[in-house]
């Protein structure tokens, strides 16, 4: 919300790092919550993948990065 307010728009590219589906927890609570002990082994690989996505984003643009890195 702070970013949207500062930019005065909701239309901006963003990078989201995910390690697993949130299940039935409200998304804001899930996203802002702490990792469970069983999730920690997935954190480093997710950060590595996010770094690769950022490099692609900077070199080739958001569209190419989304095509390459979004699960689907």
N, C-alpha and C. Protein backbone atom coordinates (compact mmCIF):
# COMPACT_ATOMS: atom_id res chain seq x y z
N UNK A 1 0.82 -1.19 0.00
CA UNK A 1 0.00 0.00 0.00
C UNK A 1 0.87 1.26 0.00
N UNK A 2 1.97 1.23 0.73
CA UNK A 2 2.85 2.40 0.77
C UNK A 2 3.47 2.68 -0.60
N UNK A 3 3.86 1.63 -1.30
CA UNK A 3 4.45 1.81 -2.63
C UNK A 3 3.42 2.38 -3.59
N UNK A 4 2.21 1.82 -3.55
CA UNK A 4 1.16 2.31 -4.43
C UNK A 4 0.84 3.77 -4.13
N UNK A 5 0.84 4.12 -2.87
CA UNK A 5 0.57 5.50 -2.50
C UNK A 5 1.69 6.42 -2.99
N UNK A 6 2.92 5.99 -2.83
CA UNK A 6 4.05 6.82 -3.27
C UNK A 6 4.08 6.99 -4.78
N UNK A 7 3.73 5.93 -5.51
CA UNK A 7 3.73 6.00 -6.98
C UNK A 7 2.42 6.54 -7.54
N UNK A 8 1.41 6.61 -6.71
CA UNK A 8 0.07 7.05 -7.10
C UNK A 8 -0.52 6.15 -8.19
N UNK A 9 -0.18 4.87 -8.14
CA UNK A 9 -0.71 3.89 -9.07
C UNK A 9 -0.46 2.48 -8.52
N UNK A 10 -1.29 1.55 -8.98
CA UNK A 10 -1.08 0.14 -8.64
C UNK A 10 -0.41 -0.58 -9.81
N UNK A 11 -0.13 0.17 -10.87
CA UNK A 11 0.47 -0.41 -12.07
C UNK A 11 1.99 -0.25 -12.04
N UNK A 12 2.66 -1.21 -11.47
CA UNK A 12 4.12 -1.23 -11.44
C UNK A 12 4.56 -2.69 -11.36
N UNK A 13 5.71 -2.95 -11.90
CA UNK A 13 6.24 -4.32 -11.87
C UNK A 13 6.72 -4.64 -10.46
N UNK A 14 6.53 -5.89 -10.08
CA UNK A 14 6.97 -6.31 -8.75
C UNK A 14 7.47 -7.75 -8.81
N UNK A 15 8.36 -8.06 -7.94
CA UNK A 15 8.90 -9.41 -7.83
C UNK A 15 8.36 -10.04 -6.56
N UNK A 16 7.78 -11.20 -6.72
CA UNK A 16 7.27 -11.93 -5.56
C UNK A 16 8.05 -13.23 -5.44
N UNK A 17 8.46 -13.52 -4.23
CA UNK A 17 9.21 -14.75 -3.98
C UNK A 17 8.29 -15.71 -3.23
N UNK A 18 8.09 -16.88 -3.79
CA UNK A 18 7.23 -17.85 -3.15
C UNK A 18 7.97 -19.15 -2.89
N UNK A 19 7.59 -19.79 -1.79
CA UNK A 19 8.20 -21.09 -1.49
C UNK A 19 7.17 -22.21 -1.46
N UNK A 20 5.91 -21.86 -1.30
CA UNK A 20 4.86 -22.87 -1.36
C UNK A 20 3.51 -22.16 -1.38
N UNK A 21 2.44 -22.89 -1.73
CA UNK A 21 1.11 -22.26 -1.73
C UNK A 21 0.68 -21.92 -0.31
N UNK A 22 -0.04 -20.81 -0.13
CA UNK A 22 -0.40 -20.37 1.22
C UNK A 22 -1.47 -21.18 1.92
N UNK A 23 -2.21 -21.98 1.22
CA UNK A 23 -3.25 -22.76 1.88
C UNK A 23 -4.42 -21.89 2.28
N UNK A 24 -4.90 -22.06 3.48
CA UNK A 24 -6.12 -21.37 3.90
C UNK A 24 -5.86 -20.17 4.79
N UNK A 25 -4.64 -19.77 4.94
CA UNK A 25 -4.30 -18.59 5.75
C UNK A 25 -4.57 -17.35 4.91
N UNK A 26 -5.18 -16.30 5.47
CA UNK A 26 -5.36 -15.06 4.70
C UNK A 26 -4.02 -14.59 4.12
N UNK A 27 -4.03 -14.19 2.84
CA UNK A 27 -2.79 -13.90 2.13
C UNK A 27 -1.91 -12.89 2.85
N UNK A 28 -2.47 -11.79 3.35
CA UNK A 28 -1.66 -10.78 4.03
C UNK A 28 -0.97 -11.37 5.24
N UNK A 29 -1.65 -12.21 6.00
CA UNK A 29 -1.04 -12.85 7.17
C UNK A 29 0.04 -13.82 6.73
N UNK A 30 -0.20 -14.54 5.65
CA UNK A 30 0.77 -15.51 5.15
C UNK A 30 2.02 -14.82 4.64
N UNK A 31 1.84 -13.80 3.83
CA UNK A 31 2.97 -13.10 3.23
C UNK A 31 3.81 -12.40 4.28
N UNK A 32 3.17 -11.81 5.27
CA UNK A 32 3.89 -11.06 6.28
C UNK A 32 4.29 -11.90 7.49
N UNK A 33 3.90 -13.17 7.50
CA UNK A 33 4.23 -14.05 8.62
C UNK A 33 5.64 -14.58 8.54
N UNK A 34 6.03 -15.25 9.60
CA UNK A 34 7.36 -15.87 9.67
C UNK A 34 7.32 -17.24 9.02
N UNK A 35 8.49 -17.68 8.53
CA UNK A 35 8.58 -19.02 7.96
C UNK A 35 8.42 -20.05 9.06
N UNK A 36 7.74 -21.13 8.73
CA UNK A 36 7.66 -22.28 9.63
C UNK A 36 8.99 -23.03 9.54
N UNK A 37 9.35 -23.80 10.57
CA UNK A 37 10.61 -24.55 10.51
C UNK A 37 10.73 -25.43 9.27
N UNK A 38 9.64 -26.05 8.82
CA UNK A 38 9.71 -26.93 7.65
C UNK A 38 9.87 -26.18 6.33
N UNK A 39 9.73 -24.86 6.35
CA UNK A 39 9.86 -24.07 5.12
C UNK A 39 11.29 -23.58 4.89
N UNK A 40 12.10 -23.55 5.91
CA UNK A 40 13.42 -22.94 5.79
C UNK A 40 14.30 -23.58 4.72
N UNK A 41 14.17 -24.87 4.47
CA UNK A 41 15.01 -25.51 3.45
C UNK A 41 14.67 -25.02 2.04
N UNK A 42 13.51 -24.41 1.87
CA UNK A 42 13.09 -23.90 0.57
C UNK A 42 13.47 -22.44 0.36
N UNK A 43 13.90 -21.76 1.41
CA UNK A 43 14.16 -20.32 1.32
C UNK A 43 15.36 -20.01 0.43
N UNK A 44 16.51 -20.63 0.69
CA UNK A 44 17.70 -20.32 -0.11
C UNK A 44 17.51 -20.57 -1.60
N UNK A 45 16.95 -21.72 -2.02
CA UNK A 45 16.70 -21.91 -3.45
C UNK A 45 15.74 -20.86 -4.03
N UNK A 46 14.74 -20.45 -3.25
CA UNK A 46 13.80 -19.44 -3.73
C UNK A 46 14.50 -18.09 -3.91
N UNK A 47 15.39 -17.75 -3.00
CA UNK A 47 16.14 -16.49 -3.11
C UNK A 47 17.09 -16.55 -4.31
N UNK A 48 17.74 -17.70 -4.52
CA UNK A 48 18.61 -17.86 -5.70
C UNK A 48 17.82 -17.66 -6.99
N UNK A 49 16.64 -18.27 -7.07
CA UNK A 49 15.80 -18.13 -8.26
C UNK A 49 15.35 -16.68 -8.44
N UNK A 50 15.02 -16.01 -7.33
CA UNK A 50 14.61 -14.61 -7.40
C UNK A 50 15.75 -13.74 -7.90
N UNK A 51 16.97 -14.02 -7.48
CA UNK A 51 18.12 -13.26 -7.96
C UNK A 51 18.30 -13.45 -9.47
N UNK A 52 18.15 -14.69 -9.93
CA UNK A 52 18.22 -14.95 -11.37
C UNK A 52 17.12 -14.19 -12.12
N UNK A 53 15.93 -14.14 -11.53
CA UNK A 53 14.81 -13.43 -12.16
C UNK A 53 15.09 -11.93 -12.24
N UNK A 54 15.67 -11.39 -11.19
CA UNK A 54 16.01 -9.95 -11.19
C UNK A 54 17.05 -9.65 -12.27
N UNK A 55 18.07 -10.49 -12.38
CA UNK A 55 19.09 -10.28 -13.42
C UNK A 55 18.46 -10.33 -14.81
N UNK A 56 17.57 -11.30 -15.03
CA UNK A 56 16.87 -11.40 -16.31
C UNK A 56 16.02 -10.16 -16.53
N UNK A 57 15.31 -9.73 -15.51
CA UNK A 57 14.45 -8.55 -15.57
C UNK A 57 15.26 -7.33 -15.98
N UNK A 58 16.43 -7.15 -15.38
CA UNK A 58 17.26 -5.99 -15.69
C UNK A 58 17.84 -6.06 -17.10
N UNK A 59 18.22 -7.25 -17.54
CA UNK A 59 18.83 -7.41 -18.85
C UNK A 59 17.82 -7.47 -20.00
N UNK A 60 16.68 -8.16 -19.74
CA UNK A 60 15.76 -8.48 -20.83
C UNK A 60 14.36 -7.92 -20.66
N UNK A 61 14.08 -7.31 -19.52
CA UNK A 61 12.77 -6.71 -19.29
C UNK A 61 11.84 -7.60 -18.49
N UNK A 62 10.79 -6.97 -17.99
CA UNK A 62 9.84 -7.66 -17.12
C UNK A 62 9.10 -8.77 -17.84
N UNK A 63 8.66 -8.52 -19.08
CA UNK A 63 7.89 -9.53 -19.82
C UNK A 63 8.68 -10.82 -20.00
N UNK A 64 9.93 -10.71 -20.44
CA UNK A 64 10.77 -11.89 -20.65
C UNK A 64 11.01 -12.61 -19.33
N UNK A 65 11.25 -11.85 -18.28
CA UNK A 65 11.48 -12.44 -16.97
C UNK A 65 10.24 -13.19 -16.48
N UNK A 66 9.07 -12.60 -16.66
CA UNK A 66 7.84 -13.26 -16.23
C UNK A 66 7.62 -14.54 -17.01
N UNK A 67 7.87 -14.50 -18.31
CA UNK A 67 7.70 -15.69 -19.14
C UNK A 67 8.64 -16.80 -18.70
N UNK A 68 9.85 -16.43 -18.38
CA UNK A 68 10.87 -17.41 -18.02
C UNK A 68 10.71 -17.97 -16.61
N UNK A 69 10.29 -17.15 -15.65
CA UNK A 69 10.34 -17.54 -14.25
C UNK A 69 8.99 -17.81 -13.60
N UNK A 70 7.90 -17.37 -14.16
CA UNK A 70 6.61 -17.65 -13.53
C UNK A 70 6.25 -19.11 -13.72
N UNK A 71 5.80 -19.73 -12.65
CA UNK A 71 5.36 -21.13 -12.73
C UNK A 71 4.08 -21.19 -13.55
N UNK A 72 3.92 -22.24 -14.27
CA UNK A 72 2.71 -22.29 -15.06
C UNK A 72 2.41 -23.59 -15.65
